[in-house]
Amino acid sequence: MIGDLGGGKTHFTKGLATGLGVAEPVTSPTFNFENIYQGKKLSLYHFDLYRNGEVDEDIGFLIKEAISDKDGVVVIEWAERARSYWPSRYTLIKFNWISDQERMISVIKK
């Protein structure tokens, strides 16, 4: 996911987690970079790269490991900072401000 600070990325992730059946509260992993939640059938891997200018090898390894989990859904906030780790097929979600109360969300499948 890409978009400005406060654009709704974490809020969107909370809704996705609810849809996956995650029972625990979902918080942004800004300081630990990754949170993993268990849904009813799939795991949710939630990354937040806001604090990273570049993704180091350790975080890159965690991203690759999450992407390889066939029973997982991977959400990466500030995903443009980890472009070199994106799989060949992905869904990019862009958040743009319309007003203080509105956002435009674009979904691009590659």
C-alpha atoms as a PDB file:
ATOM      1  CA  MET A   1       0.000   0.000   0.000  1.00  0.00           C
ATOM      2  CA  ILE A   2       1.189   3.476  -0.769  1.00  0.00           C
ATOM      3  CA  GLY A   3      -0.089   6.886   0.208  1.00  0.00           C
ATOM      4  CA  ASP A   4       0.552   9.858   2.427  1.00  0.00           C
ATOM      5  CA  LEU A   5       0.756   9.737   6.197  1.00  0.00           C
ATOM      6  CA  GLY A   6      -2.742   9.499   7.653  1.00  0.00           C
ATOM      7  CA  GLY A   7      -4.158   8.340   4.344  1.00  0.00           C
ATOM      8  CA  GLY A   8      -5.967   5.297   5.738  1.00  0.00           C
ATOM      9  CA  LYS A   9      -3.514   2.437   5.194  1.00  0.00           C
ATOM     10  CA  THR A  10      -3.655   1.110   8.762  1.00  0.00           C
ATOM     11  CA  HIS A  11      -7.422   1.624   8.924  1.00  0.00           C
ATOM     12  CA  PHE A  12      -7.780  -0.393   5.716  1.00  0.00           C
ATOM     13  CA  THR A  13      -5.575  -3.132   7.183  1.00  0.00           C
ATOM     14  CA  LYS A  14      -7.815  -3.320  10.254  1.00  0.00           C
ATOM     15  CA  GLY A  15     -10.812  -3.917   7.992  1.00  0.00           C
ATOM     16  CA  LEU A  16      -8.930  -6.571   6.042  1.00  0.00           C
ATOM     17  CA  ALA A  17      -8.000  -8.279   9.312  1.00  0.00           C
ATOM     18  CA  THR A  18     -11.641  -8.299  10.374  1.00  0.00           C
ATOM     19  CA  GLY A  19     -12.563  -9.895   7.042  1.00  0.00           C
ATOM     20  CA  LEU A  20      -9.915 -12.580   7.586  1.00  0.00           C
ATOM     21  CA  GLY A  21     -11.340 -13.349  11.026  1.00  0.00           C
ATOM     22  CA  VAL A  22      -8.492 -11.881  13.080  1.00  0.00           C
ATOM     23  CA  ALA A  23      -9.822 -11.596  16.637  1.00  0.00           C
ATOM     24  CA  GLU A  24      -7.069  -9.528  18.270  1.00  0.00           C
ATOM     25  CA  PRO A  25      -6.641  -5.767  17.899  1.00  0.00           C
ATOM     26  CA  VAL A  26      -4.591  -4.733  14.862  1.00  0.00           C
ATOM     27  CA  THR A  27      -2.005  -2.011  15.394  1.00  0.00           C
ATOM     28  CA  SER A  28       0.550  -0.458  13.101  1.00  0.00           C
ATOM     29  CA  PRO A  29       3.958  -2.130  13.445  1.00  0.00           C
ATOM     30  CA  THR A  30       5.839   1.145  12.959  1.00  0.00           C
ATOM     31  CA  PHE A  31       8.492   0.370  15.555  1.00  0.00           C
ATOM     32  CA  ASN A  32       8.874  -3.390  15.144  1.00  0.00           C
ATOM     33  CA  PHE A  33       8.244  -3.390  11.349  1.00  0.00           C
ATOM     34  CA  GLU A  34       6.083  -6.553  11.288  1.00  0.00           C
ATOM     35  CA  ASN A  35       3.042  -7.887  13.096  1.00  0.00           C
ATOM     36  CA  ILE A  36       1.604 -11.313  12.316  1.00  0.00           C
ATOM     37  CA  TYR A  37      -2.047 -12.095  13.011  1.00  0.00           C
ATOM     38  CA  GLN A  38      -3.868 -15.409  12.661  1.00  0.00           C
ATOM     39  CA  GLY A  39      -7.194 -15.297  10.880  1.00  0.00           C
ATOM     40  CA  LYS A  40      -9.684 -18.135  10.588  1.00  0.00           C
ATOM     41  CA  LYS A  41      -7.916 -19.635   7.560  1.00  0.00           C
ATOM     42  CA  LEU A  42      -5.091 -17.280   6.612  1.00  0.00           C
ATOM     43  CA  SER A  43      -2.330 -15.427   8.429  1.00  0.00           C
ATOM     44  CA  LEU A  44      -2.004 -11.664   8.002  1.00  0.00           C
ATOM     45  CA  TYR A  45       1.538 -10.308   7.744  1.00  0.00           C
ATOM     46  CA  HIS A  46       1.436  -6.553   8.382  1.00  0.00           C
ATOM     47  CA  PHE A  47       4.554  -4.501   7.655  1.00  0.00           C
ATOM     48  CA  ASP A  48       4.990  -0.761   8.164  1.00  0.00           C
ATOM     49  CA  LEU A  49       8.091   0.720   6.566  1.00  0.00           C
ATOM     50  CA  TYR A  50       7.422   4.350   7.478  1.00  0.00           C
ATOM     51  CA  ARG A  51      10.631   4.627   9.494  1.00  0.00           C
ATOM     52  CA  ASN A  52      12.755   3.041   6.756  1.00  0.00           C
ATOM     53  CA  GLY A  53      14.388   5.003   3.983  1.00  0.00           C
ATOM     54  CA  GLU A  54      15.698   1.723   2.642  1.00  0.00           C
ATOM     55  CA  VAL A  55      14.842  -1.838   3.567  1.00  0.00           C
ATOM     56  CA  ASP A  56      17.793  -3.701   5.062  1.00  0.00           C
ATOM     57  CA  GLU A  57      18.505  -7.411   4.575  1.00  0.00           C
ATOM     58  CA  ASP A  58      16.788  -8.461   7.815  1.00  0.00           C
ATOM     59  CA  ILE A  59      13.490  -6.781   6.973  1.00  0.00           C
ATOM     60  CA  GLY A  60      13.840  -7.921   3.354  1.00  0.00           C
ATOM     61  CA  PHE A  61      14.194 -11.503   4.574  1.00  0.00           C
ATOM     62  CA  LEU A  62      10.997 -11.157   6.649  1.00  0.00           C
ATOM     63  CA  ILE A  63       9.129  -9.756   3.645  1.00  0.00           C
ATOM     64  CA  LYS A  64      10.306 -12.591   1.362  1.00  0.00           C
ATOM     65  CA  GLU A  65       9.406 -15.165   3.998  1.00  0.00           C
ATOM     66  CA  ALA A  66       5.914 -13.697   4.396  1.00  0.00           C
ATOM     67  CA  ILE A  67       5.342 -13.552   0.636  1.00  0.00           C
ATOM     68  CA  SER A  68       6.311 -17.224   0.329  1.00  0.00           C
ATOM     69  CA  ASP A  69       3.591 -18.295   2.804  1.00  0.00           C
ATOM     70  CA  LYS A  70       0.806 -19.730   0.626  1.00  0.00           C
ATOM     71  CA  ASP A  71      -1.584 -19.427   3.573  1.00  0.00           C
ATOM     72  CA  GLY A  72      -0.812 -15.776   4.177  1.00  0.00           C
ATOM     73  CA  VAL A  73      -1.858 -12.311   3.113  1.00  0.00           C
ATOM     74  CA  VAL A  74       0.898  -9.688   3.109  1.00  0.00           C
ATOM     75  CA  VAL A  75       0.210  -5.995   3.656  1.00  0.00           C
ATOM     76  CA  ILE A  76       3.106  -3.561   3.383  1.00  0.00           C
ATOM     77  CA  GLU A  77       2.526   0.066   4.309  1.00  0.00           C
ATOM     78  CA  TRP A  78       4.940   2.378   2.493  1.00  0.00           C
ATOM     79  CA  ALA A  79       5.551  -0.500   0.070  1.00  0.00           C
ATOM     80  CA  GLU A  80       7.435   1.700  -2.396  1.00  0.00           C
ATOM     81  CA  ARG A  81      10.372   1.468   0.022  1.00  0.00           C
ATOM     82  CA  ALA A  82      10.562  -2.295  -0.567  1.00  0.00           C
ATOM     83  CA  ARG A  83      10.002  -2.332  -4.330  1.00  0.00           C
ATOM     84  CA  SER A  84      12.874  -4.757  -4.924  1.00  0.00           C
ATOM     85  CA  TYR A  85      11.070  -7.371  -2.774  1.00  0.00           C
ATOM     86  CA  TRP A  86       7.710  -7.236  -4.546  1.00  0.00           C
ATOM     87  CA  PRO A  87       6.671 -10.511  -6.167  1.00  0.00           C
ATOM     88  CA  SER A  88       6.007 -10.655  -9.907  1.00  0.00           C
ATOM     89  CA  ARG A  89       2.244 -10.671  -9.225  1.00  0.00           C
ATOM     90  CA  TYR A  90       0.830  -8.243  -6.678  1.00  0.00           C
ATOM     91  CA  THR A  91      -2.026  -5.884  -5.890  1.00  0.00           C
ATOM     92  CA  LEU A  92      -1.041  -2.287  -5.246  1.00  0.00           C
ATOM     93  CA  ILE A  93      -3.451  -0.151  -3.246  1.00  0.00           C
ATOM     94  CA  LYS A  94      -2.980   3.638  -3.440  1.00  0.00           C
ATOM     95  CA  PHE A  95      -4.511   6.046  -0.949  1.00  0.00           C
ATOM     96  CA  ASN A  96      -4.979   9.676  -2.000  1.00  0.00           C
ATOM     97  CA  TRP A  97      -6.463  12.515   0.040  1.00  0.00           C
ATOM     98  CA  ILE A  98      -9.646  14.068  -1.351  1.00  0.00           C
ATOM     99  CA  SER A  99     -10.500  16.061   1.787  1.00  0.00           C
ATOM    100  CA  ASP A 100     -10.053  15.757   5.556  1.00  0.00           C
ATOM    101  CA  GLN A 101     -12.865  13.204   5.573  1.00  0.00           C
ATOM    102  CA  GLU A 102     -12.457  11.541   2.164  1.00  0.00           C
ATOM    103  CA  ARG A 103      -9.873   9.352   0.462  1.00  0.00           C
ATOM    104  CA  MET A 104      -9.670   7.931  -3.019  1.00  0.00           C
ATOM    105  CA  ILE A 105      -8.482   4.333  -3.053  1.00  0.00           C
ATOM    106  CA  SER A 106      -7.103   2.882  -6.281  1.00  0.00           C
ATOM    107  CA  VAL A 107      -6.490  -0.831  -6.706  1.00  0.00           C
ATOM    108  CA  ILE A 108      -3.992  -1.940  -9.346  1.00  0.00           C
ATOM    109  CA  LYS A 109      -3.400  -5.639 -10.029  1.00  0.00           C
ATOM    110  CA  LYS A 110      -0.126  -6.609 -11.662  1.00  0.00           C
END
